[in-house]
Amino acid sequence: MDRRQSLAALLATTLAPAAWAQAFPSKPVRLVVAFGPGSGNDLIARELARYMSESLGQPVVVENRPGGGGSVGTDVVAKAAPDGHTIGLGTSSQLVMNIGLYKSLPFDVERDLRNIGLVSRTGMVLVASTRMPRTLAELIALAKSQPGKITYGSGGPGSISHIVGEAFARAAGISLLHVPYKGNGPALADLAGGHVDLLFDGFLSSNPLSQQGKAQILAVSSPQRSPMGPQVPTFAESGLPDYQAYTWNNLFAPAATPPAALERLNAALNHALAQPGVKERLAQGASEALGPTTPAQADSFGQAERARWVPFVRGLNIEM
């Protein structure tokens, strides 16, 4: 190879990533949601897709692939072509809790996936039946006087409401009786009917029952009180400063996705998070935006969450 050919080859190698970045995306981007249409995750994804489409110059099409507590949709992304045209909306259930719950998964989160950026965090609230005490301190005192007598519902074994309920019992030094349901909806209905005492849920679904006098919200897991219920104290204010119960979302892609595509997708995500429509959608669910973030920051966040929660979940010995 003469000098002229060597220079041409060097220029081609240097310019290829830039040219590739300009060409991406070359077709619609598929955004996989691992839960059903109409769910809170689905609504967030569709709002993001709307504004990311504007930024990317290609449609971002939401595809629902529910099943396996989110593992089905996660696997779809993990095994997709790593060209940036298939991405996923991630949740703490998919990318943290499932690792501790399932003996085996068809993918490895650390090996097969790469974060695009963080989306939001949603603090959970402790909902109580009207026959329970009206403050968290009084509830804990009652539970200590009646070990294993007070019940808490959940969306099922291994659900986020189950796991944070167990974490609450340990943080408060109390023993509660777990009553699993097929989803938080039926559990909330039974709480309103007085058949179960406690439930960890979201403000969006529990606040209407509280306003109707059919339930009471004792505490919210967030740094500050929520605008959706400013009268509800935080767990820190109520005497449990180290207790946290929340869910979170991110966007992720196959691990081998080129850095240029990740950067383009990250910029589109951060652009979307800055839009009033997305901010309004998050506020409606009592969620806070976690962006703008870089892929590296999102990676670090996920790793810290797994380091904290996976050992705890495995220690619960839940068979899935």
C-alpha atoms as a PDB file:
ATOM      1  CA  MET A   1       0.000   0.000   0.000  1.00  0.00           C
ATOM      2  CA  ASP A   2       1.572   3.346  -1.095  1.00  0.00           C
ATOM      3  CA  ARG A   3       1.411   6.562   0.856  1.00  0.00           C
ATOM      4  CA  ARG A   4      -1.679   7.820  -1.016  1.00  0.00           C
ATOM      5  CA  GLN A   5      -3.605   4.598  -0.287  1.00  0.00           C
ATOM      6  CA  SER A   6      -2.555   4.666   3.364  1.00  0.00           C
ATOM      7  CA  LEU A   7      -3.818   8.238   3.732  1.00  0.00           C
ATOM      8  CA  ALA A   8      -7.127   7.325   2.093  1.00  0.00           C
ATOM      9  CA  ALA A   9      -7.564   4.364   4.407  1.00  0.00           C
ATOM     10  CA  LEU A  10      -6.789   6.517   7.449  1.00  0.00           C
ATOM     11  CA  LEU A  11      -9.317   9.156   6.385  1.00  0.00           C
ATOM     12  CA  ALA A  12     -11.968   6.508   5.795  1.00  0.00           C
ATOM     13  CA  THR A  13     -11.408   5.046   9.270  1.00  0.00           C
ATOM     14  CA  THR A  14     -11.485   8.488  10.878  1.00  0.00           C
ATOM     15  CA  LEU A  15     -14.559   9.752   9.077  1.00  0.00           C
ATOM     16  CA  ALA A  16     -16.615   6.549   9.161  1.00  0.00           C
ATOM     17  CA  PRO A  17     -18.037   7.031  12.687  1.00  0.00           C
ATOM     18  CA  ALA A  18     -19.042  10.622  11.905  1.00  0.00           C
ATOM     19  CA  ALA A  19     -20.687   9.611   8.656  1.00  0.00           C
ATOM     20  CA  TRP A  20     -22.440   6.723  10.386  1.00  0.00           C
ATOM     21  CA  ALA A  21     -23.704   9.053  13.106  1.00  0.00           C
ATOM     22  CA  GLN A  22     -25.163  11.398  10.522  1.00  0.00           C
ATOM     23  CA  ALA A  23     -26.951   8.484   8.856  1.00  0.00           C
ATOM     24  CA  PHE A  24     -28.507   7.208  12.125  1.00  0.00           C
ATOM     25  CA  PRO A  25     -31.370   6.596  12.433  1.00  0.00           C
ATOM     26  CA  SER A  26     -32.012   5.359   8.905  1.00  0.00           C
ATOM     27  CA  LYS A  27     -35.444   3.877   9.738  1.00  0.00           C
ATOM     28  CA  PRO A  28     -38.081   3.989  12.508  1.00  0.00           C
ATOM     29  CA  VAL A  29     -36.838   3.281  16.024  1.00  0.00           C
ATOM     30  CA  ARG A  30     -38.694   0.584  17.969  1.00  0.00           C
ATOM     31  CA  LEU A  31     -39.244   1.405  21.666  1.00  0.00           C
ATOM     32  CA  VAL A  32     -40.134  -1.814  23.498  1.00  0.00           C
ATOM     33  CA  VAL A  33     -42.285  -1.517  26.632  1.00  0.00           C
ATOM     34  CA  ALA A  34     -42.296  -4.694  28.719  1.00  0.00           C
ATOM     35  CA  PHE A  35     -45.775  -4.005  30.101  1.00  0.00           C
ATOM     36  CA  GLY A  36     -49.238  -3.715  28.586  1.00  0.00           C
ATOM     37  CA  PRO A  37     -50.893  -0.786  26.782  1.00  0.00           C
ATOM     38  CA  GLY A  38     -52.325   1.842  29.104  1.00  0.00           C
ATOM     39  CA  SER A  39     -49.942   1.101  31.966  1.00  0.00           C
ATOM     40  CA  GLY A  40     -48.009   3.941  33.572  1.00  0.00           C
ATOM     41  CA  ASN A  41     -44.833   2.783  31.838  1.00  0.00           C
ATOM     42  CA  ASP A  42     -46.622   2.674  28.491  1.00  0.00           C
ATOM     43  CA  LEU A  43     -47.918   6.233  28.880  1.00  0.00           C
ATOM     44  CA  ILE A  44     -44.447   7.548  29.715  1.00  0.00           C
ATOM     45  CA  ALA A  45     -42.952   5.720  26.715  1.00  0.00           C
ATOM     46  CA  ARG A  46     -45.509   7.158  24.299  1.00  0.00           C
ATOM     47  CA  GLU A  47     -44.903  10.698  25.522  1.00  0.00           C
ATOM     48  CA  LEU A  48     -41.141  10.237  25.159  1.00  0.00           C
ATOM     49  CA  ALA A  49     -41.576   8.693  21.706  1.00  0.00           C
ATOM     50  CA  ARG A  50     -43.483  11.723  20.496  1.00  0.00           C
ATOM     51  CA  TYR A  51     -40.666  14.167  21.234  1.00  0.00           C
ATOM     52  CA  MET A  52     -37.790  11.820  20.464  1.00  0.00           C
ATOM     53  CA  SER A  53     -39.259  11.369  16.978  1.00  0.00           C
ATOM     54  CA  GLU A  54     -38.988  15.113  16.406  1.00  0.00           C
ATOM     55  CA  SER A  55     -35.349  15.112  17.472  1.00  0.00           C
ATOM     56  CA  LEU A  56     -34.297  11.972  15.567  1.00  0.00           C
ATOM     57  CA  GLY A  57     -36.139  12.725  12.340  1.00  0.00           C
ATOM     58  CA  GLN A  58     -37.616   9.215  12.310  1.00  0.00           C
ATOM     59  CA  PRO A  59     -40.731   7.778  13.988  1.00  0.00           C
ATOM     60  CA  VAL A  60     -40.215   6.200  17.399  1.00  0.00           C
ATOM     61  CA  VAL A  61     -42.783   3.402  17.541  1.00  0.00           C
ATOM     62  CA  VAL A  62     -43.860   1.939  20.895  1.00  0.00           C
ATOM     63  CA  GLU A  63     -44.223  -1.851  20.946  1.00  0.00           C
ATOM     64  CA  ASN A  64     -45.732  -3.581  23.982  1.00  0.00           C
ATOM     65  CA  ARG A  65     -44.182  -6.948  24.873  1.00  0.00           C
ATOM     66  CA  PRO A  66     -45.502  -7.866  28.341  1.00  0.00           C
ATOM     67  CA  GLY A  67     -44.741 -11.039  30.271  1.00  0.00           C
ATOM     68  CA  GLY A  68     -42.462 -12.482  32.923  1.00  0.00           C
ATOM     69  CA  GLY A  69     -42.526  -9.376  35.102  1.00  0.00           C
ATOM     70  CA  GLY A  70     -40.841  -7.451  32.298  1.00  0.00           C
ATOM     71  CA  SER A  71     -38.277 -10.099  31.357  1.00  0.00           C
ATOM     72  CA  VAL A  72     -39.909 -10.886  27.988  1.00  0.00           C
ATOM     73  CA  GLY A  73     -39.622  -7.324  26.714  1.00  0.00           C
ATOM     74  CA  THR A  74     -36.124  -6.953  28.139  1.00  0.00           C
ATOM     75  CA  ASP A  75     -35.002 -10.062  26.276  1.00  0.00           C
ATOM     76  CA  VAL A  76     -36.424  -8.704  23.014  1.00  0.00           C
ATOM     77  CA  VAL A  77     -34.093  -5.710  23.277  1.00  0.00           C
ATOM     78  CA  ALA A  78     -31.111  -7.739  24.509  1.00  0.00           C
ATOM     79  CA  LYS A  79     -31.278  -9.965  21.423  1.00  0.00           C
ATOM     80  CA  ALA A  80     -32.103  -7.251  18.879  1.00  0.00           C
ATOM     81  CA  ALA A  81     -29.661  -6.062  16.233  1.00  0.00           C
ATOM     82  CA  PRO A  82     -27.296  -3.633  18.028  1.00  0.00           C
ATOM     83  CA  ASP A  83     -27.754  -0.783  15.581  1.00  0.00           C
ATOM     84  CA  GLY A  84     -29.750   1.631  17.742  1.00  0.00           C
ATOM     85  CA  HIS A  85     -33.056   0.956  16.010  1.00  0.00           C
ATOM     86  CA  THR A  86     -34.413  -1.193  18.873  1.00  0.00           C
ATOM     87  CA  ILE A  87     -34.400   0.247  22.384  1.00  0.00           C
ATOM     88  CA  GLY A  88     -36.348  -0.424  25.571  1.00  0.00           C
ATOM     89  CA  LEU A  89     -38.034   1.450  28.376  1.00  0.00           C
ATOM     90  CA  GLY A  90     -36.539  -0.030  31.516  1.00  0.00           C
ATOM     91  CA  THR A  91     -37.937  -0.250  35.039  1.00  0.00           C
ATOM     92  CA  SER A  92     -36.468  -1.159  38.405  1.00  0.00           C
ATOM     93  CA  SER A  93     -38.471  -4.404  38.229  1.00  0.00           C
ATOM     94  CA  GLN A  94     -36.829  -5.440  34.950  1.00  0.00           C
ATOM     95  CA  LEU A  95     -33.276  -4.350  35.579  1.00  0.00           C
ATOM     96  CA  VAL A  96     -32.905  -4.875  39.336  1.00  0.00           C
ATOM     97  CA  MET A  97     -35.615  -6.852  41.129  1.00  0.00           C
ATOM     98  CA  ASN A  98     -35.906  -9.655  38.555  1.00  0.00           C
ATOM     99  CA  ILE A  99     -32.219 -10.443  38.953  1.00  0.00           C
ATOM    100  CA  GLY A 100     -32.807 -11.232  42.605  1.00  0.00           C
ATOM    101  CA  LEU A 101     -36.124 -13.007  42.014  1.00  0.00           C
ATOM    102  CA  TYR A 102     -35.399 -15.409  39.165  1.00  0.00           C
ATOM    103  CA  LYS A 103     -32.859 -18.223  39.345  1.00  0.00           C
ATOM    104  CA  SER A 104     -32.062 -17.661  35.680  1.00  0.00           C
ATOM    105  CA  LEU A 105     -32.901 -15.079  33.020  1.00  0.00           C
ATOM    106  CA  PRO A 106     -32.356 -15.341  29.255  1.00  0.00           C
ATOM    107  CA  PHE A 107     -30.096 -12.277  29.369  1.00  0.00           C
ATOM    108  CA  ASP A 108     -27.457 -10.692  31.579  1.00  0.00           C
ATOM    109  CA  VAL A 109     -28.194  -7.048  32.386  1.00  0.00           C
ATOM    110  CA  GLU A 110     -24.544  -6.072  32.785  1.00  0.00           C
ATOM    111  CA  ARG A 111     -23.285  -8.011  29.744  1.00  0.00           C
ATOM    112  CA  ASP A 112     -26.143  -7.661  27.239  1.00  0.00           C
ATOM    113  CA  LEU A 113     -27.554  -4.179  27.847  1.00  0.00           C
ATOM    114  CA  ARG A 114     -26.302  -0.593  27.841  1.00  0.00           C
ATOM    115  CA  ASN A 115     -28.077   2.426  29.266  1.00  0.00           C
ATOM    116  CA  ILE A 116     -29.080   5.333  27.057  1.00  0.00           C
ATOM    117  CA  GLY A 117     -30.121   7.562  29.958  1.00  0.00           C
ATOM    118  CA  LEU A 118     -32.380   7.870  32.997  1.00  0.00           C
ATOM    119  CA  VAL A 119     -35.999   8.960  32.691  1.00  0.00           C
ATOM    120  CA  SER A 120     -37.784   9.291  36.033  1.00  0.00           C
ATOM    121  CA  ARG A 121     -38.255   8.130  39.591  1.00  0.00           C
ATOM    122  CA  THR A 122     -41.610   7.635  41.313  1.00  0.00           C
ATOM    123  CA  GLY A 123     -41.837   7.567  45.073  1.00  0.00           C
ATOM    124  CA  MET A 124     -44.296   5.092  46.573  1.00  0.00           C
ATOM    125  CA  VAL A 125     -46.726   5.818  49.382  1.00  0.00           C
ATOM    126  CA  LEU A 126     -47.851   3.727  52.343  1.00  0.00           C
ATOM    127  CA  VAL A 127     -51.624   3.435  52.165  1.00  0.00           C
ATOM    128  CA  ALA A 128     -53.589   2.251  55.203  1.00  0.00           C
ATOM    129  CA  SER A 129     -57.175   1.261  55.804  1.00  0.00           C
ATOM    130  CA  THR A 130     -59.256   3.703  57.816  1.00  0.00           C
ATOM    131  CA  ARG A 131     -59.170   1.359  60.823  1.00  0.00           C
ATOM    132  CA  MET A 132     -55.397   1.789  61.134  1.00  0.00           C
ATOM    133  CA  PRO A 133     -53.682   4.560  63.126  1.00  0.00           C
ATOM    134  CA  ARG A 134     -53.411   7.951  61.413  1.00  0.00           C
ATOM    135  CA  THR A 135     -49.620   8.386  61.718  1.00  0.00           C
ATOM    136  CA  LEU A 136     -46.645   6.201  60.827  1.00  0.00           C
ATOM    137  CA  ALA A 137     -45.283   6.326  64.376  1.00  0.00           C
ATOM    138  CA  GLU A 138     -48.595   5.099  65.807  1.00  0.00           C
ATOM    139  CA  LEU A 139     -48.788   2.343  63.181  1.00  0.00           C
ATOM    140  CA  ILE A 140     -45.289   1.090  64.011  1.00  0.00           C
ATOM    141  CA  ALA A 141     -46.106   1.115  67.731  1.00  0.00           C
ATOM    142  CA  LEU A 142     -49.277  -0.910  67.083  1.00  0.00           C
ATOM    143  CA  ALA A 143     -47.400  -3.401  64.889  1.00  0.00           C
ATOM    144  CA  LYS A 144     -44.782  -3.908  67.605  1.00  0.00           C
ATOM    145  CA  SER A 145     -47.522  -4.672  70.098  1.00  0.00           C
ATOM    146  CA  GLN A 146     -49.172  -7.153  67.701  1.00  0.00           C
ATOM    147  CA  PRO A 147     -46.382  -9.012  65.822  1.00  0.00           C
ATOM    148  CA  GLY A 148     -47.593 -10.617  62.590  1.00  0.00           C
ATOM    149  CA  LYS A 149     -51.182  -9.445  63.047  1.00  0.00           C
ATOM    150  CA  ILE A 150     -51.239  -6.409  60.743  1.00  0.00           C
ATOM    151  CA  THR A 151     -51.545  -7.350  57.079  1.00  0.00           C
ATOM    152  CA  TYR A 152     -50.090  -5.733  53.999  1.00  0.00           C
ATOM    153  CA  GLY A 153     -51.214  -6.445  50.468  1.00  0.00           C
ATOM    154  CA  SER A 154     -49.057  -6.550  47.361  1.00  0.00           C
ATOM    155  CA  GLY A 155     -49.318  -7.009  43.622  1.00  0.00           C
ATOM    156  CA  GLY A 156     -48.070 -10.578  44.046  1.00  0.00           C
ATOM    157  CA  PRO A 157     -44.977 -12.439  45.252  1.00  0.00           C
ATOM    158  CA  GLY A 158     -41.870 -10.611  44.070  1.00  0.00           C
ATOM    159  CA  SER A 159     -43.756  -7.488  42.978  1.00  0.00           C
ATOM    160  CA  ILE A 160     -42.287  -4.112  43.856  1.00  0.00           C
ATOM    161  CA  SER A 161     -45.048  -3.570  46.434  1.00  0.00           C
ATOM    162  CA  HIS A 162     -44.077  -6.870  48.082  1.00  0.00           C
ATOM    163  CA  ILE A 163     -40.364  -6.104  48.162  1.00  0.00           C
ATOM    164  CA  VAL A 164     -40.652  -2.561  49.532  1.00  0.00           C
ATOM    165  CA  GLY A 165     -43.190  -3.838  52.063  1.00  0.00           C
ATOM    166  CA  GLU A 166     -40.641  -6.309  53.396  1.00  0.00           C
ATOM    167  CA  ALA A 167     -38.002  -3.589  53.400  1.00  0.00           C
ATOM    168  CA  PHE A 168     -40.342  -1.345  55.408  1.00  0.00           C
ATOM    169  CA  ALA A 169     -40.978  -4.049  58.009  1.00  0.00           C
ATOM    170  CA  ARG A 170     -37.241  -4.548  58.467  1.00  0.00           C
ATOM    171  CA  ALA A 171     -36.511  -0.817  58.638  1.00  0.00           C
ATOM    172  CA  ALA A 172     -39.252  -0.313  61.233  1.00  0.00           C
ATOM    173  CA  GLY A 173     -38.326  -3.436  63.222  1.00  0.00           C
ATOM    174  CA  ILE A 174     -41.809  -4.947  62.931  1.00  0.00           C
ATOM    175  CA  SER A 175     -43.419  -8.149  61.660  1.00  0.00           C
ATOM    176  CA  LEU A 176     -46.259  -7.890  59.109  1.00  0.00           C
ATOM    177  CA  LEU A 177     -48.376 -10.557  57.407  1.00  0.00           C
ATOM    178  CA  HIS A 178     -48.023 -10.527  53.596  1.00  0.00           C
ATOM    179  CA  VAL A 179     -51.208 -11.001  51.552  1.00  0.00           C
ATOM    180  CA  PRO A 180     -50.408 -11.337  47.820  1.00  0.00           C
ATOM    181  CA  TYR A 181     -52.900 -10.309  45.111  1.00  0.00           C
ATOM    182  CA  LYS A 182     -52.898 -10.497  41.333  1.00  0.00           C
ATOM    183  CA  GLY A 183     -51.942  -6.862  40.932  1.00  0.00           C
ATOM    184  CA  ASN A 184     -52.041  -3.759  43.115  1.00  0.00           C
ATOM    185  CA  GLY A 185     -55.526  -2.837  41.852  1.00  0.00           C
ATOM    186  CA  PRO A 186     -57.336  -5.702  43.614  1.00  0.00           C
ATOM    187  CA  ALA A 187     -55.195  -5.170  46.713  1.00  0.00           C
ATOM    188  CA  LEU A 188     -56.166  -1.486  46.848  1.00  0.00           C
ATOM    189  CA  ALA A 189     -59.846  -2.375  46.450  1.00  0.00           C
ATOM    190  CA  ASP A 190     -59.625  -4.834  49.350  1.00  0.00           C
ATOM    191  CA  LEU A 191     -57.839  -2.238  51.475  1.00  0.00           C
ATOM    192  CA  ALA A 192     -60.688   0.212  50.849  1.00  0.00           C
ATOM    193  CA  GLY A 193     -63.092  -2.545  51.869  1.00  0.00           C
ATOM    194  CA  GLY A 194     -61.225  -3.169  55.112  1.00  0.00           C
ATOM    195  CA  HIS A 195     -59.968  -6.657  54.182  1.00  0.00           C
ATOM    196  CA  VAL A 196     -56.251  -5.790  54.291  1.00  0.00           C
ATOM    197  CA  ASP A 197     -54.522  -3.173  56.429  1.00  0.00           C
ATOM    198  CA  LEU A 198     -51.627  -1.726  54.418  1.00  0.00           C
ATOM    199  CA  LEU A 199     -50.342  -1.420  50.850  1.00  0.00           C
ATOM    200  CA  PHE A 200     -47.433   0.290  49.114  1.00  0.00           C
ATOM    201  CA  ASP A 201     -48.807   1.985  46.011  1.00  0.00           C
ATOM    202  CA  GLY A 202     -48.524   5.121  43.895  1.00  0.00           C
ATOM    203  CA  PHE A 203     -50.101   8.503  44.592  1.00  0.00           C
ATOM    204  CA  LEU A 204     -51.938   8.431  41.274  1.00  0.00           C
ATOM    205  CA  SER A 205     -54.046   5.381  42.125  1.00  0.00           C
ATOM    206  CA  SER A 206     -54.342   5.731  45.893  1.00  0.00           C
ATOM    207  CA  ASN A 207     -55.057   9.449  46.225  1.00  0.00           C
ATOM    208  CA  PRO A 208     -58.670   9.244  44.941  1.00  0.00           C
ATOM    209  CA  LEU A 209     -59.564   6.698  47.654  1.00  0.00           C
ATOM    210  CA  SER A 210     -57.900   8.891  50.256  1.00  0.00           C
ATOM    211  CA  GLN A 211     -59.904  11.901  49.110  1.00  0.00           C
ATOM    212  CA  GLN A 212     -63.094   9.820  49.320  1.00  0.00           C
ATOM    213  CA  GLY A 213     -62.296   8.841  52.900  1.00  0.00           C
ATOM    214  CA  LYS A 214     -61.939   5.152  52.006  1.00  0.00           C
ATOM    215  CA  ALA A 215     -58.217   4.980  52.770  1.00  0.00           C
ATOM    216  CA  GLN A 216     -55.474   7.091  54.301  1.00  0.00           C
ATOM    217  CA  ILE A 217     -51.955   7.809  53.085  1.00  0.00           C
ATOM    218  CA  LEU A 218     -49.499   7.752  55.973  1.00  0.00           C
ATOM    219  CA  ALA A 219     -46.171   8.606  54.299  1.00  0.00           C
ATOM    220  CA  VAL A 220     -44.501   9.152  50.946  1.00  0.00           C
ATOM    221  CA  SER A 221     -41.049   7.932  49.973  1.00  0.00           C
ATOM    222  CA  SER A 222     -39.447  10.995  48.411  1.00  0.00           C
ATOM    223  CA  PRO A 223     -36.963  13.660  49.527  1.00  0.00           C
ATOM    224  CA  GLN A 224     -39.762  16.242  49.776  1.00  0.00           C
ATOM    225  CA  ARG A 225     -43.518  16.129  50.124  1.00  0.00           C
ATOM    226  CA  SER A 226     -45.369  15.564  46.868  1.00  0.00           C
ATOM    227  CA  PRO A 227     -47.402  18.356  45.215  1.00  0.00           C
ATOM    228  CA  MET A 228     -50.064  15.680  44.665  1.00  0.00           C
ATOM    229  CA  GLY A 229     -50.499  15.368  48.446  1.00  0.00           C
ATOM    230  CA  PRO A 230     -48.656  18.143  50.288  1.00  0.00           C
ATOM    231  CA  GLN A 231     -50.330  17.141  53.572  1.00  0.00           C
ATOM    232  CA  VAL A 232     -48.655  13.700  53.503  1.00  0.00           C
ATOM    233  CA  PRO A 233     -45.325  13.615  55.386  1.00  0.00           C
ATOM    234  CA  THR A 234     -42.234  11.861  54.068  1.00  0.00           C
ATOM    235  CA  PHE A 235     -40.859   8.744  55.753  1.00  0.00           C
ATOM    236  CA  ALA A 236     -37.918  10.843  56.934  1.00  0.00           C
ATOM    237  CA  GLU A 237     -40.249  13.312  58.628  1.00  0.00           C
ATOM    238  CA  SER A 238     -42.093  10.377  60.200  1.00  0.00           C
ATOM    239  CA  GLY A 239     -39.032   8.825  61.827  1.00  0.00           C
ATOM    240  CA  LEU A 240     -37.570   6.502  59.137  1.00  0.00           C
ATOM    241  CA  PRO A 241     -34.921   8.695  57.456  1.00  0.00           C
ATOM    242  CA  ASP A 242     -33.085   5.814  55.762  1.00  0.00           C
ATOM    243  CA  TYR A 243     -36.123   4.078  54.275  1.00  0.00           C
ATOM    244  CA  GLN A 244     -36.768   4.467  50.544  1.00  0.00           C
ATOM    245  CA  ALA A 245     -39.443   2.921  48.313  1.00  0.00           C
ATOM    246  CA  TYR A 246     -39.575   3.977  44.699  1.00  0.00           C
ATOM    247  CA  THR A 247     -39.633   2.783  41.137  1.00  0.00           C
ATOM    248  CA  TRP A 248     -37.630   4.245  38.288  1.00  0.00           C
ATOM    249  CA  ASN A 249     -37.390   4.245  34.497  1.00  0.00           C
ATOM    250  CA  ASN A 250     -34.606   4.491  31.954  1.00  0.00           C
ATOM    251  CA  LEU A 251     -34.001   3.818  28.284  1.00  0.00           C
ATOM    252  CA  PHE A 252     -31.614   1.033  27.287  1.00  0.00           C
ATOM    253  CA  ALA A 253     -30.226  -0.639  24.175  1.00  0.00           C
ATOM    254  CA  PRO A 254     -28.305  -3.801  23.215  1.00  0.00           C
ATOM    255  CA  ALA A 255     -24.785  -3.682  24.672  1.00  0.00           C
ATOM    256  CA  ALA A 256     -23.002  -3.608  21.318  1.00  0.00           C
ATOM    257  CA  THR A 257     -24.900  -0.536  20.069  1.00  0.00           C
ATOM    258  CA  PRO A 258     -22.341   1.903  18.565  1.00  0.00           C
ATOM    259  CA  PRO A 259     -21.428   4.836  20.833  1.00  0.00           C
ATOM    260  CA  ALA A 260     -22.525   7.308  18.154  1.00  0.00           C
ATOM    261  CA  ALA A 261     -26.038   5.846  18.179  1.00  0.00           C
ATOM    262  CA  LEU A 262     -26.156   5.902  21.981  1.00  0.00           C
ATOM    263  CA  GLU A 263     -25.125   9.556  21.982  1.00  0.00           C
ATOM    264  CA  ARG A 264     -27.800  10.446  19.429  1.00  0.00           C
ATOM    265  CA  LEU A 265     -30.469   8.562  21.373  1.00  0.00           C
ATOM    266  CA  ASN A 266     -29.280  10.111  24.640  1.00  0.00           C
ATOM    267  CA  ALA A 267     -29.558  13.610  23.172  1.00  0.00           C
ATOM    268  CA  ALA A 268     -33.068  12.831  21.908  1.00  0.00           C
ATOM    269  CA  LEU A 269     -34.098  11.510  25.335  1.00  0.00           C
ATOM    270  CA  ASN A 270     -32.749  14.531  27.182  1.00  0.00           C
ATOM    271  CA  HIS A 271     -34.491  16.801  24.661  1.00  0.00           C
ATOM    272  CA  ALA A 272     -37.782  14.995  25.335  1.00  0.00           C
ATOM    273  CA  LEU A 273     -37.403  15.256  29.111  1.00  0.00           C
ATOM    274  CA  ALA A 274     -37.126  19.028  28.788  1.00  0.00           C
ATOM    275  CA  GLN A 275     -40.487  19.331  27.012  1.00  0.00           C
ATOM    276  CA  PRO A 276     -43.571  20.588  28.921  1.00  0.00           C
ATOM    277  CA  GLY A 277     -45.653  17.651  27.668  1.00  0.00           C
ATOM    278  CA  VAL A 278     -43.280  15.104  29.190  1.00  0.00           C
ATOM    279  CA  LYS A 279     -42.931  17.088  32.419  1.00  0.00           C
ATOM    280  CA  GLU A 280     -46.724  17.206  32.705  1.00  0.00           C
ATOM    281  CA  ARG A 281     -47.048  13.464  32.098  1.00  0.00           C
ATOM    282  CA  LEU A 282     -44.482  12.727  34.817  1.00  0.00           C
ATOM    283  CA  ALA A 283     -46.148  15.126  37.251  1.00  0.00           C
ATOM    284  CA  GLN A 284     -49.496  13.415  36.704  1.00  0.00           C
ATOM    285  CA  GLY A 285     -47.933  10.220  38.015  1.00  0.00           C
ATOM    286  CA  ALA A 286     -46.163  11.984  40.920  1.00  0.00           C
ATOM    287  CA  SER A 287     -42.836  11.254  39.219  1.00  0.00           C
ATOM    288  CA  GLU A 288     -39.679  13.347  39.016  1.00  0.00           C
ATOM    289  CA  ALA A 289     -37.406  13.507  35.981  1.00  0.00           C
ATOM    290  CA  LEU A 290     -33.939  12.036  36.569  1.00  0.00           C
ATOM    291  CA  GLY A 291     -32.446  13.563  33.432  1.00  0.00           C
ATOM    292  CA  PRO A 292     -30.536  14.944  31.769  1.00  0.00           C
ATOM    293  CA  THR A 293     -27.959  12.191  32.247  1.00  0.00           C
ATOM    294  CA  THR A 294     -25.250  10.588  30.152  1.00  0.00           C
ATOM    295  CA  PRO A 295     -25.158   6.843  29.358  1.00  0.00           C
ATOM    296  CA  ALA A 296     -22.254   6.489  31.808  1.00  0.00           C
ATOM    297  CA  GLN A 297     -24.218   8.173  34.598  1.00  0.00           C
ATOM    298  CA  ALA A 298     -27.196   5.912  33.905  1.00  0.00           C
ATOM    299  CA  ASP A 299     -24.903   2.854  33.988  1.00  0.00           C
ATOM    300  CA  SER A 300     -23.570   3.895  37.401  1.00  0.00           C
ATOM    301  CA  PHE A 301     -27.087   4.465  38.723  1.00  0.00           C
ATOM    302  CA  GLY A 302     -28.227   0.990  37.652  1.00  0.00           C
ATOM    303  CA  GLN A 303     -25.159  -0.683  39.113  1.00  0.00           C
ATOM    304  CA  ALA A 304     -25.710   1.048  42.461  1.00  0.00           C
ATOM    305  CA  GLU A 305     -29.366  -0.011  42.502  1.00  0.00           C
ATOM    306  CA  ARG A 306     -28.451  -3.638  41.837  1.00  0.00           C
ATOM    307  CA  ALA A 307     -25.749  -3.583  44.512  1.00  0.00           C
ATOM    308  CA  ARG A 308     -28.321  -2.360  47.024  1.00  0.00           C
ATOM    309  CA  TRP A 309     -31.415  -4.379  46.144  1.00  0.00           C
ATOM    310  CA  VAL A 310     -30.389  -7.707  44.575  1.00  0.00           C
ATOM    311  CA  PRO A 311     -28.872  -9.171  47.778  1.00  0.00           C
ATOM    312  CA  PHE A 312     -31.917  -8.019  49.747  1.00  0.00           C
ATOM    313  CA  VAL A 313     -34.365  -9.602  47.287  1.00  0.00           C
ATOM    314  CA  ARG A 314     -32.404 -12.863  47.213  1.00  0.00           C
ATOM    315  CA  GLY A 315     -32.507 -12.908  50.994  1.00  0.00           C
ATOM    316  CA  LEU A 316     -36.319 -12.988  50.882  1.00  0.00           C
ATOM    317  CA  ASN A 317     -36.128 -16.478  49.266  1.00  0.00           C
ATOM    318  CA  ILE A 318     -39.108 -15.847  46.989  1.00  0.00           C
ATOM    319  CA  GLU A 319     -39.592 -18.725  44.568  1.00  0.00           C
ATOM    320  CA  MET A 320     -40.452 -17.563  41.032  1.00  0.00           C
END
